[in-house]
Each structure stands twice: as structure tokens, then as C-alpha cells.
Amino acid sequence: MKLKKRNYRKEYDKFQSSPEQKKNRAARNGRRMKLVKQGKVKKGDGKDIHHYKVGGVIKTKVMSASKNRGIAEKSRLPGSKRK
């Protein structure tokens, strides 16, 4: 039996176009724009907005892009149940 080649582009487009993901993306963009208006970040400044949860509430803080992208996700750490 020959396996069908997986279409990653189609999966990505389907996931990103779901109503739930559109809502999540709009919320992230809104939180970033709030920080832009406060003057904490601007386009091309090398900063990222770190989104994290504390007690179910989503919080944000400004940090360097390299530091934010270097944070190990819990799902990728040894002992994670995610596969």
C-alpha cells in the first residue's frame, strides 16, 4: 500500500483560517498594538512580545527577540506527554 504524500500547506492554511485561530491572532496583534501605542516597542527594534499565562490570564512583556525565541516550550522538554 502506497502512502499519500502529506500536504503540509493545506493543513497550515486550514488551521490558520479556523475561526478560533483568527480570534487568537487578533488578540495577540491587539496586545502588540497596545504596547506600540505605549512606546514600549516599535517595528524593527529587535524586541518581541512574550505572551504567557498566569492563573489562566494571558499576560505580556517585552523582551529581546533572541531571548524570547530561545525559551524552551514545556511541550518540547524531556518527560513531556506530547508526541
N, C-alpha and C. Protein backbone atom coordinates (compact mmCIF):
# COMPACT_ATOMS: atom_id res chain seq x y z
N MET A 1 0.84 -1.19 0.00
CA MET A 1 0.00 0.00 0.00
C MET A 1 0.88 1.25 0.00
N LYS A 2 0.64 2.11 -0.94
CA LYS A 2 1.43 3.33 -1.06
C LYS A 2 0.77 4.45 -0.26
N LEU A 3 1.59 5.13 0.57
CA LEU A 3 1.07 6.24 1.36
C LEU A 3 0.97 7.48 0.50
N LYS A 4 -0.09 8.25 0.76
CA LYS A 4 -0.29 9.50 0.03
C LYS A 4 0.62 10.56 0.64
N LYS A 5 1.22 11.38 -0.20
CA LYS A 5 2.11 12.43 0.28
C LYS A 5 1.30 13.46 1.07
N ARG A 6 1.82 13.85 2.21
CA ARG A 6 1.13 14.77 3.12
C ARG A 6 1.25 16.21 2.60
N ASN A 7 0.13 16.91 2.58
CA ASN A 7 0.10 18.29 2.09
C ASN A 7 0.14 19.24 3.29
N TYR A 8 1.35 19.62 3.67
CA TYR A 8 1.53 20.49 4.84
C TYR A 8 0.94 21.87 4.60
N ARG A 9 1.03 22.38 3.38
CA ARG A 9 0.50 23.71 3.06
C ARG A 9 -1.01 23.75 3.30
N LYS A 10 -1.71 22.71 2.88
CA LYS A 10 -3.16 22.64 3.05
C LYS A 10 -3.52 22.57 4.54
N GLU A 11 -2.77 21.77 5.30
CA GLU A 11 -3.02 21.66 6.75
C GLU A 11 -2.81 23.02 7.43
N TYR A 12 -1.73 23.71 7.07
CA TYR A 12 -1.41 25.00 7.66
C TYR A 12 -2.51 26.02 7.35
N ASP A 13 -2.91 26.07 6.07
CA ASP A 13 -3.96 27.02 5.67
C ASP A 13 -5.28 26.73 6.38
N LYS A 14 -5.60 25.47 6.51
CA LYS A 14 -6.86 25.09 7.17
C LYS A 14 -6.84 25.49 8.65
N PHE A 15 -5.72 25.26 9.32
CA PHE A 15 -5.60 25.59 10.74
C PHE A 15 -5.65 27.10 10.95
N GLN A 16 -4.88 27.85 10.15
CA GLN A 16 -4.81 29.30 10.32
C GLN A 16 -6.11 30.00 9.97
N SER A 17 -6.95 29.40 9.14
CA SER A 17 -8.20 30.04 8.73
C SER A 17 -9.37 29.68 9.64
N SER A 18 -9.13 28.85 10.65
CA SER A 18 -10.24 28.48 11.54
C SER A 18 -10.64 29.69 12.39
N PRO A 19 -11.93 29.83 12.72
CA PRO A 19 -12.39 30.98 13.50
C PRO A 19 -11.66 31.14 14.83
N GLU A 20 -11.33 30.03 15.48
CA GLU A 20 -10.64 30.10 16.77
C GLU A 20 -9.24 30.72 16.60
N GLN A 21 -8.51 30.29 15.55
CA GLN A 21 -7.17 30.81 15.33
C GLN A 21 -7.19 32.27 14.89
N LYS A 22 -8.21 32.66 14.14
CA LYS A 22 -8.35 34.07 13.74
C LYS A 22 -8.54 34.94 14.98
N LYS A 23 -9.32 34.45 15.92
CA LYS A 23 -9.59 35.17 17.17
C LYS A 23 -8.30 35.28 18.00
N ASN A 24 -7.55 34.18 18.10
CA ASN A 24 -6.29 34.18 18.86
C ASN A 24 -5.28 35.15 18.25
N ARG A 25 -5.16 35.13 16.92
CA ARG A 25 -4.22 36.00 16.23
C ARG A 25 -4.60 37.48 16.41
N ALA A 26 -5.90 37.77 16.32
CA ALA A 26 -6.37 39.15 16.51
C ALA A 26 -6.08 39.63 17.93
N ALA A 27 -6.22 38.74 18.91
CA ALA A 27 -5.94 39.10 20.30
C ALA A 27 -4.45 39.39 20.49
N ARG A 28 -3.57 38.56 19.91
CA ARG A 28 -2.13 38.79 20.00
C ARG A 28 -1.74 40.10 19.34
N ASN A 29 -2.30 40.35 18.15
CA ASN A 29 -1.99 41.59 17.45
C ASN A 29 -2.48 42.81 18.24
N GLY A 30 -3.63 42.68 18.87
CA GLY A 30 -4.17 43.77 19.68
C GLY A 30 -3.28 44.09 20.87
N ARG A 31 -2.78 43.05 21.52
CA ARG A 31 -1.88 43.26 22.66
C ARG A 31 -0.57 43.91 22.21
N ARG A 32 -0.09 43.53 21.02
CA ARG A 32 1.13 44.15 20.49
C ARG A 32 0.87 45.63 20.18
N MET A 33 -0.25 45.94 19.55
CA MET A 33 -0.54 47.33 19.19
C MET A 33 -0.68 48.20 20.44
N LYS A 34 -1.19 47.63 21.51
CA LYS A 34 -1.30 48.38 22.77
C LYS A 34 0.10 48.79 23.25
N LEU A 35 1.06 47.87 23.16
CA LEU A 35 2.43 48.18 23.57
C LEU A 35 3.12 49.14 22.60
N VAL A 36 2.76 49.08 21.33
CA VAL A 36 3.31 50.03 20.35
C VAL A 36 2.83 51.44 20.70
N LYS A 37 1.55 51.57 21.01
CA LYS A 37 0.99 52.88 21.36
C LYS A 37 1.61 53.44 22.64
N GLN A 38 1.99 52.55 23.56
CA GLN A 38 2.64 52.99 24.80
C GLN A 38 4.11 53.34 24.57
N GLY A 39 4.63 53.02 23.37
CA GLY A 39 6.01 53.34 23.04
C GLY A 39 7.02 52.33 23.55
N LYS A 40 6.56 51.16 23.97
CA LYS A 40 7.47 50.15 24.51
C LYS A 40 8.16 49.34 23.42
N VAL A 41 7.52 49.22 22.27
CA VAL A 41 8.11 48.50 21.14
C VAL A 41 7.80 49.27 19.85
N LYS A 42 8.60 48.99 18.83
CA LYS A 42 8.30 49.52 17.51
C LYS A 42 8.87 48.57 16.47
N LYS A 43 8.41 48.70 15.27
CA LYS A 43 8.82 47.82 14.19
C LYS A 43 10.32 47.92 13.97
N GLY A 44 10.99 46.77 13.93
CA GLY A 44 12.41 46.72 13.63
C GLY A 44 13.33 47.02 14.80
N ASP A 45 12.81 47.04 16.03
CA ASP A 45 13.65 47.36 17.20
C ASP A 45 14.31 46.14 17.82
N GLY A 46 14.07 44.94 17.27
CA GLY A 46 14.69 43.73 17.79
C GLY A 46 14.01 43.18 19.03
N LYS A 47 12.82 43.67 19.33
CA LYS A 47 12.08 43.22 20.51
C LYS A 47 10.90 42.36 20.09
N ASP A 48 10.53 41.43 20.96
CA ASP A 48 9.35 40.60 20.77
C ASP A 48 8.43 40.81 21.96
N ILE A 49 7.17 40.49 21.77
CA ILE A 49 6.21 40.50 22.86
C ILE A 49 6.07 39.06 23.34
N HIS A 50 6.42 38.84 24.59
CA HIS A 50 6.32 37.50 25.18
C HIS A 50 4.92 37.36 25.77
N HIS A 51 4.14 36.40 25.24
CA HIS A 51 2.79 36.12 25.74
C HIS A 51 2.86 34.90 26.65
N TYR A 52 2.34 35.02 27.85
CA TYR A 52 2.37 33.89 28.78
C TYR A 52 1.13 33.93 29.67
N LYS A 53 0.81 32.80 30.27
CA LYS A 53 -0.38 32.69 31.12
C LYS A 53 0.03 32.63 32.58
N VAL A 54 -0.72 33.35 33.41
CA VAL A 54 -0.55 33.30 34.85
C VAL A 54 -1.95 33.10 35.42
N GLY A 55 -2.19 31.92 35.94
CA GLY A 55 -3.51 31.63 36.51
C GLY A 55 -4.63 31.74 35.50
N GLY A 56 -4.38 31.36 34.25
CA GLY A 56 -5.40 31.40 33.21
C GLY A 56 -5.54 32.76 32.53
N VAL A 57 -4.83 33.78 33.01
CA VAL A 57 -4.89 35.11 32.42
C VAL A 57 -3.66 35.30 31.54
N ILE A 58 -3.87 35.75 30.31
CA ILE A 58 -2.76 35.96 29.40
C ILE A 58 -2.11 37.30 29.69
N LYS A 59 -0.80 37.27 29.91
CA LYS A 59 -0.03 38.47 30.20
C LYS A 59 1.01 38.65 29.10
N THR A 60 1.56 39.86 29.00
CA THR A 60 2.60 40.12 28.01
C THR A 60 3.73 40.91 28.64
N LYS A 61 4.93 40.72 28.08
CA LYS A 61 6.05 41.55 28.47
C LYS A 61 6.99 41.67 27.28
N VAL A 62 7.77 42.73 27.26
CA VAL A 62 8.69 42.99 26.16
C VAL A 62 10.04 42.37 26.50
N MET A 63 10.62 41.67 25.52
CA MET A 63 11.96 41.11 25.69
C MET A 63 12.63 41.04 24.33
N SER A 64 13.93 40.84 24.32
CA SER A 64 14.65 40.76 23.06
C SER A 64 14.15 39.55 22.27
N ALA A 65 14.19 39.68 20.97
CA ALA A 65 13.70 38.61 20.10
C ALA A 65 14.48 37.32 20.33
N SER A 66 15.81 37.43 20.47
CA SER A 66 16.62 36.23 20.63
C SER A 66 16.31 35.52 21.93
N LYS A 67 16.05 36.27 22.98
CA LYS A 67 15.73 35.65 24.27
C LYS A 67 14.35 35.00 24.21
N ASN A 68 13.38 35.69 23.64
CA ASN A 68 12.02 35.16 23.56
C ASN A 68 11.96 33.89 22.72
N ARG A 69 12.69 33.85 21.63
CA ARG A 69 12.65 32.69 20.74
C ARG A 69 13.52 31.55 21.24
N GLY A 70 14.32 31.80 22.27
CA GLY A 70 15.17 30.77 22.84
C GLY A 70 14.55 30.07 24.04
N ILE A 71 13.37 30.52 24.46
CA ILE A 71 12.69 29.90 25.61
C ILE A 71 12.23 28.50 25.21
N ALA A 72 12.57 27.50 26.01
CA ALA A 72 12.15 26.12 25.73
C ALA A 72 10.68 25.96 26.09
N GLU A 73 9.90 25.48 25.14
CA GLU A 73 8.49 25.23 25.40
C GLU A 73 8.36 23.99 26.28
N LYS A 74 7.39 24.00 27.17
CA LYS A 74 7.20 22.86 28.07
C LYS A 74 6.92 21.58 27.30
N SER A 75 6.23 21.71 26.16
CA SER A 75 5.88 20.53 25.39
C SER A 75 7.10 19.88 24.73
N ARG A 76 8.22 20.62 24.64
CA ARG A 76 9.41 20.07 23.99
C ARG A 76 10.46 19.60 24.98
N LEU A 77 10.20 19.77 26.26
CA LEU A 77 11.15 19.35 27.27
C LEU A 77 11.06 17.85 27.50
N PRO A 78 12.14 17.22 27.99
CA PRO A 78 12.09 15.78 28.28
C PRO A 78 11.01 15.48 29.30
N GLY A 79 10.30 14.40 29.10
CA GLY A 79 9.27 14.00 30.02
C GLY A 79 7.89 14.51 29.63
N SER A 80 7.80 15.27 28.55
CA SER A 80 6.52 15.80 28.10
C SER A 80 5.67 14.65 27.54
N LYS A 81 4.37 14.72 27.74
CA LYS A 81 3.47 13.69 27.25
C LYS A 81 3.09 13.93 25.80
N ARG A 82 3.41 15.11 25.28
CA ARG A 82 3.09 15.43 23.90
C ARG A 82 4.06 14.70 22.96
N LYS A 83 3.56 14.19 21.86
CA LYS A 83 4.38 13.45 20.91
C LYS A 83 4.46 14.16 19.61
